[in-house]
Amino acid sequence: MLTSTDEYRGQVIRKVLFAGSQEEVCHILDLAMKDLDLHETNKATTIIFTDKILDELDHFNPMNKNAQEWSNINMARIYFHRIKLHDTVQ
């Protein structure tokens, strides 16, 4: 993992944008979350990490993205909303 969660977040977002499918988006995000767990990132940092990614994804303009990128953005947003929902239920 990179030294900064900001750098890592940027790397994850770039990978999401250039993913070839929605399954690949989920795989990228699964790996990112597992990577945070492997580095024993505390719960608060993980929540901030996911919230910042969601915030960045929400600010993308669909007019500036191609169809695949926009599909990937929406899949990532769904993925993180599911994580947040799952965490609130537990």
N, C-alpha and C. Protein backbone atom coordinates (compact mmCIF):
# COMPACT_ATOMS: atom_id res chain seq x y z
N MET A 1 0.85 -1.17 0.00
CA MET A 1 0.00 0.00 0.00
C MET A 1 0.90 1.23 0.00
N LEU A 2 0.47 2.27 -0.67
CA LEU A 2 1.24 3.50 -0.72
C LEU A 2 1.28 4.15 0.65
N THR A 3 2.16 5.11 0.83
CA THR A 3 2.36 5.72 2.14
C THR A 3 1.16 6.53 2.60
N SER A 4 0.39 7.05 1.71
CA SER A 4 -0.72 7.92 2.08
C SER A 4 -2.05 7.33 1.60
N THR A 5 -3.06 7.42 2.46
CA THR A 5 -4.38 6.94 2.02
C THR A 5 -4.93 7.80 0.89
N ASP A 6 -4.52 9.08 0.84
CA ASP A 6 -4.96 9.95 -0.27
C ASP A 6 -4.39 9.44 -1.59
N GLU A 7 -3.11 9.07 -1.59
CA GLU A 7 -2.49 8.53 -2.81
C GLU A 7 -3.15 7.20 -3.19
N TYR A 8 -3.37 6.37 -2.20
CA TYR A 8 -3.98 5.07 -2.46
C TYR A 8 -5.40 5.23 -3.00
N ARG A 9 -6.15 6.17 -2.42
CA ARG A 9 -7.51 6.44 -2.89
C ARG A 9 -7.48 6.87 -4.36
N GLY A 10 -6.55 7.74 -4.72
CA GLY A 10 -6.43 8.17 -6.11
C GLY A 10 -6.12 7.02 -7.04
N GLN A 11 -5.25 6.12 -6.58
CA GLN A 11 -4.91 4.95 -7.38
C GLN A 11 -6.13 4.05 -7.58
N VAL A 12 -6.89 3.85 -6.53
CA VAL A 12 -8.09 3.00 -6.62
C VAL A 12 -9.09 3.63 -7.58
N ILE A 13 -9.32 4.93 -7.50
CA ILE A 13 -10.27 5.59 -8.38
C ILE A 13 -9.83 5.48 -9.84
N ARG A 14 -8.54 5.65 -10.10
CA ARG A 14 -8.05 5.51 -11.48
C ARG A 14 -8.29 4.09 -12.00
N LYS A 15 -8.04 3.09 -11.15
CA LYS A 15 -8.27 1.70 -11.57
C LYS A 15 -9.75 1.46 -11.85
N VAL A 16 -10.61 2.03 -11.02
CA VAL A 16 -12.06 1.89 -11.22
C VAL A 16 -12.46 2.50 -12.57
N LEU A 17 -11.98 3.69 -12.85
CA LEU A 17 -12.35 4.35 -14.10
C LEU A 17 -11.96 3.53 -15.32
N PHE A 18 -10.80 2.88 -15.26
CA PHE A 18 -10.30 2.17 -16.44
C PHE A 18 -10.62 0.68 -16.43
N ALA A 19 -11.42 0.23 -15.48
CA ALA A 19 -11.83 -1.19 -15.44
C ALA A 19 -12.65 -1.52 -16.68
N GLY A 20 -12.54 -2.76 -17.12
CA GLY A 20 -13.23 -3.19 -18.33
C GLY A 20 -14.65 -3.68 -18.11
N SER A 21 -15.02 -3.90 -16.85
CA SER A 21 -16.36 -4.41 -16.57
C SER A 21 -16.75 -4.06 -15.14
N GLN A 22 -18.03 -4.25 -14.84
CA GLN A 22 -18.51 -4.00 -13.48
C GLN A 22 -17.93 -5.03 -12.51
N GLU A 23 -17.72 -6.26 -12.98
CA GLU A 23 -17.12 -7.29 -12.15
C GLU A 23 -15.70 -6.89 -11.77
N GLU A 24 -14.98 -6.31 -12.71
CA GLU A 24 -13.62 -5.86 -12.44
C GLU A 24 -13.62 -4.72 -11.42
N VAL A 25 -14.61 -3.83 -11.50
CA VAL A 25 -14.74 -2.75 -10.53
C VAL A 25 -14.90 -3.35 -9.13
N CYS A 26 -15.79 -4.31 -8.98
CA CYS A 26 -16.01 -4.95 -7.67
C CYS A 26 -14.74 -5.64 -7.19
N HIS A 27 -14.02 -6.28 -8.09
CA HIS A 27 -12.78 -6.95 -7.74
C HIS A 27 -11.74 -5.94 -7.24
N ILE A 28 -11.60 -4.82 -7.93
CA ILE A 28 -10.67 -3.77 -7.53
C ILE A 28 -11.02 -3.25 -6.14
N LEU A 29 -12.29 -3.01 -5.91
CA LEU A 29 -12.72 -2.48 -4.63
C LEU A 29 -12.60 -3.51 -3.51
N ASP A 30 -12.88 -4.78 -3.83
CA ASP A 30 -12.68 -5.85 -2.84
C ASP A 30 -11.20 -5.90 -2.42
N LEU A 31 -10.31 -5.82 -3.40
CA LEU A 31 -8.88 -5.85 -3.09
C LEU A 31 -8.46 -4.64 -2.27
N ALA A 32 -9.01 -3.49 -2.58
CA ALA A 32 -8.67 -2.28 -1.82
C ALA A 32 -9.11 -2.41 -0.37
N MET A 33 -10.30 -2.94 -0.15
CA MET A 33 -10.80 -3.09 1.22
C MET A 33 -9.99 -4.15 1.97
N LYS A 34 -9.62 -5.24 1.27
CA LYS A 34 -8.79 -6.27 1.89
C LYS A 34 -7.40 -5.72 2.22
N ASP A 35 -6.89 -4.86 1.33
CA ASP A 35 -5.59 -4.25 1.56
C ASP A 35 -5.61 -3.38 2.82
N LEU A 36 -6.69 -2.63 2.99
CA LEU A 36 -6.83 -1.84 4.22
C LEU A 36 -6.86 -2.74 5.45
N ASP A 37 -7.58 -3.86 5.34
CA ASP A 37 -7.64 -4.81 6.46
C ASP A 37 -6.27 -5.43 6.75
N LEU A 38 -5.53 -5.78 5.69
CA LEU A 38 -4.21 -6.38 5.86
C LEU A 38 -3.25 -5.45 6.59
N HIS A 39 -3.41 -4.17 6.35
CA HIS A 39 -2.54 -3.19 6.99
C HIS A 39 -3.13 -2.71 8.32
N GLU A 40 -4.12 -3.45 8.78
CA GLU A 40 -4.75 -3.18 10.08
C GLU A 40 -5.18 -1.72 10.22
N THR A 41 -5.75 -1.21 9.16
CA THR A 41 -6.28 0.15 9.17
C THR A 41 -7.47 0.18 10.12
N ASN A 42 -7.51 1.19 10.98
CA ASN A 42 -8.62 1.24 11.95
C ASN A 42 -9.93 1.57 11.24
N LYS A 43 -11.01 1.26 11.91
CA LYS A 43 -12.36 1.41 11.35
C LYS A 43 -12.64 2.85 10.91
N ALA A 44 -12.23 3.82 11.72
CA ALA A 44 -12.48 5.23 11.39
C ALA A 44 -11.78 5.63 10.10
N THR A 45 -10.55 5.18 9.92
CA THR A 45 -9.79 5.50 8.70
C THR A 45 -10.44 4.84 7.49
N THR A 46 -10.90 3.62 7.66
CA THR A 46 -11.58 2.92 6.56
C THR A 46 -12.87 3.65 6.17
N ILE A 47 -13.62 4.12 7.15
CA ILE A 47 -14.85 4.86 6.87
C ILE A 47 -14.53 6.16 6.14
N ILE A 48 -13.52 6.87 6.59
CA ILE A 48 -13.12 8.11 5.92
C ILE A 48 -12.67 7.81 4.49
N PHE A 49 -11.91 6.73 4.30
CA PHE A 49 -11.43 6.33 2.98
C PHE A 49 -12.61 6.10 2.03
N THR A 50 -13.61 5.33 2.49
CA THR A 50 -14.76 5.04 1.63
C THR A 50 -15.62 6.28 1.41
N ASP A 51 -15.78 7.11 2.43
CA ASP A 51 -16.56 8.34 2.27
C ASP A 51 -15.91 9.30 1.27
N LYS A 52 -14.59 9.39 1.32
CA LYS A 52 -13.89 10.29 0.38
C LYS A 52 -13.99 9.76 -1.05
N ILE A 53 -13.90 8.45 -1.21
CA ILE A 53 -14.07 7.88 -2.57
C ILE A 53 -15.48 8.18 -3.07
N LEU A 54 -16.48 7.95 -2.23
CA LEU A 54 -17.86 8.24 -2.62
C LEU A 54 -18.02 9.71 -3.00
N ASP A 55 -17.43 10.58 -2.22
CA ASP A 55 -17.53 12.02 -2.50
C ASP A 55 -16.90 12.35 -3.85
N GLU A 56 -15.73 11.79 -4.11
CA GLU A 56 -15.08 12.03 -5.40
C GLU A 56 -15.89 11.47 -6.56
N LEU A 57 -16.44 10.28 -6.38
CA LEU A 57 -17.26 9.68 -7.44
C LEU A 57 -18.51 10.51 -7.70
N ASP A 58 -19.09 11.07 -6.65
CA ASP A 58 -20.29 11.89 -6.79
C ASP A 58 -20.03 13.18 -7.56
N HIS A 59 -18.78 13.62 -7.58
CA HIS A 59 -18.45 14.88 -8.25
C HIS A 59 -18.03 14.71 -9.71
N PHE A 60 -17.95 13.48 -10.19
CA PHE A 60 -17.64 13.29 -11.60
C PHE A 60 -18.82 13.74 -12.45
N ASN A 61 -18.52 14.39 -13.56
CA ASN A 61 -19.54 14.86 -14.49
C ASN A 61 -19.74 13.80 -15.57
N PRO A 62 -20.95 13.29 -15.73
CA PRO A 62 -21.17 12.25 -16.75
C PRO A 62 -20.88 12.73 -18.17
N MET A 63 -20.95 14.02 -18.39
CA MET A 63 -20.68 14.55 -19.73
C MET A 63 -19.19 14.46 -20.07
N ASN A 64 -18.34 14.30 -19.05
CA ASN A 64 -16.90 14.23 -19.27
C ASN A 64 -16.36 12.81 -19.24
N LYS A 65 -17.24 11.84 -19.16
CA LYS A 65 -16.82 10.44 -19.08
C LYS A 65 -17.48 9.63 -20.19
N ASN A 66 -16.79 8.58 -20.64
CA ASN A 66 -17.42 7.71 -21.63
C ASN A 66 -18.36 6.75 -20.92
N ALA A 67 -19.10 5.97 -21.69
CA ALA A 67 -20.14 5.10 -21.12
C ALA A 67 -19.56 4.08 -20.14
N GLN A 68 -18.40 3.49 -20.46
CA GLN A 68 -17.80 2.49 -19.58
C GLN A 68 -17.34 3.13 -18.27
N GLU A 69 -16.72 4.29 -18.36
CA GLU A 69 -16.28 4.98 -17.14
C GLU A 69 -17.46 5.33 -16.26
N TRP A 70 -18.54 5.81 -16.88
CA TRP A 70 -19.71 6.19 -16.09
C TRP A 70 -20.36 4.97 -15.45
N SER A 71 -20.39 3.86 -16.17
CA SER A 71 -20.91 2.61 -15.62
C SER A 71 -20.05 2.17 -14.43
N ASN A 72 -18.73 2.30 -14.57
CA ASN A 72 -17.82 1.93 -13.50
C ASN A 72 -18.02 2.81 -12.26
N ILE A 73 -18.19 4.10 -12.48
CA ILE A 73 -18.43 5.04 -11.39
C ILE A 73 -19.70 4.64 -10.63
N ASN A 74 -20.75 4.37 -11.37
CA ASN A 74 -22.02 3.99 -10.73
C ASN A 74 -21.89 2.66 -9.98
N MET A 75 -21.16 1.71 -10.54
CA MET A 75 -20.97 0.43 -9.86
C MET A 75 -20.18 0.62 -8.56
N ALA A 76 -19.16 1.45 -8.59
CA ALA A 76 -18.37 1.72 -7.38
C ALA A 76 -19.22 2.41 -6.32
N ARG A 77 -20.08 3.32 -6.74
CA ARG A 77 -20.96 3.99 -5.78
C ARG A 77 -21.90 2.97 -5.13
N ILE A 78 -22.48 2.08 -5.92
CA ILE A 78 -23.36 1.04 -5.39
C ILE A 78 -22.58 0.16 -4.42
N TYR A 79 -21.39 -0.23 -4.80
CA TYR A 79 -20.54 -1.08 -3.96
C TYR A 79 -20.33 -0.45 -2.58
N PHE A 80 -19.94 0.82 -2.56
CA PHE A 80 -19.66 1.48 -1.28
C PHE A 80 -20.93 1.74 -0.48
N HIS A 81 -22.03 2.01 -1.14
CA HIS A 81 -23.29 2.17 -0.40
C HIS A 81 -23.70 0.85 0.24
N ARG A 82 -23.45 -0.26 -0.44
CA ARG A 82 -23.75 -1.58 0.15
C ARG A 82 -22.88 -1.85 1.36
N ILE A 83 -21.61 -1.48 1.27
CA ILE A 83 -20.70 -1.65 2.42
C ILE A 83 -21.20 -0.84 3.59
N LYS A 84 -21.58 0.40 3.34
CA LYS A 84 -22.07 1.25 4.43
C LYS A 84 -23.35 0.69 5.03
N LEU A 85 -24.25 0.19 4.19
CA LEU A 85 -25.48 -0.40 4.67
C LEU A 85 -25.18 -1.64 5.51
N HIS A 86 -24.28 -2.47 5.02
CA HIS A 86 -23.90 -3.68 5.73
C HIS A 86 -23.30 -3.33 7.09
N ASP A 87 -22.46 -2.30 7.15
CA ASP A 87 -21.84 -1.90 8.42
C ASP A 87 -22.85 -1.35 9.42
N THR A 88 -23.89 -0.69 8.94
CA THR A 88 -24.87 -0.13 9.85
C THR A 88 -25.81 -1.20 10.40
N VAL A 89 -26.00 -2.28 9.62
CA VAL A 89 -26.88 -3.37 10.07
C VAL A 89 -26.18 -4.20 11.13
N GLN A 90 -24.87 -4.34 11.04
CA GLN A 90 -24.14 -5.18 12.00
C GLN A 90 -23.97 -4.54 13.34
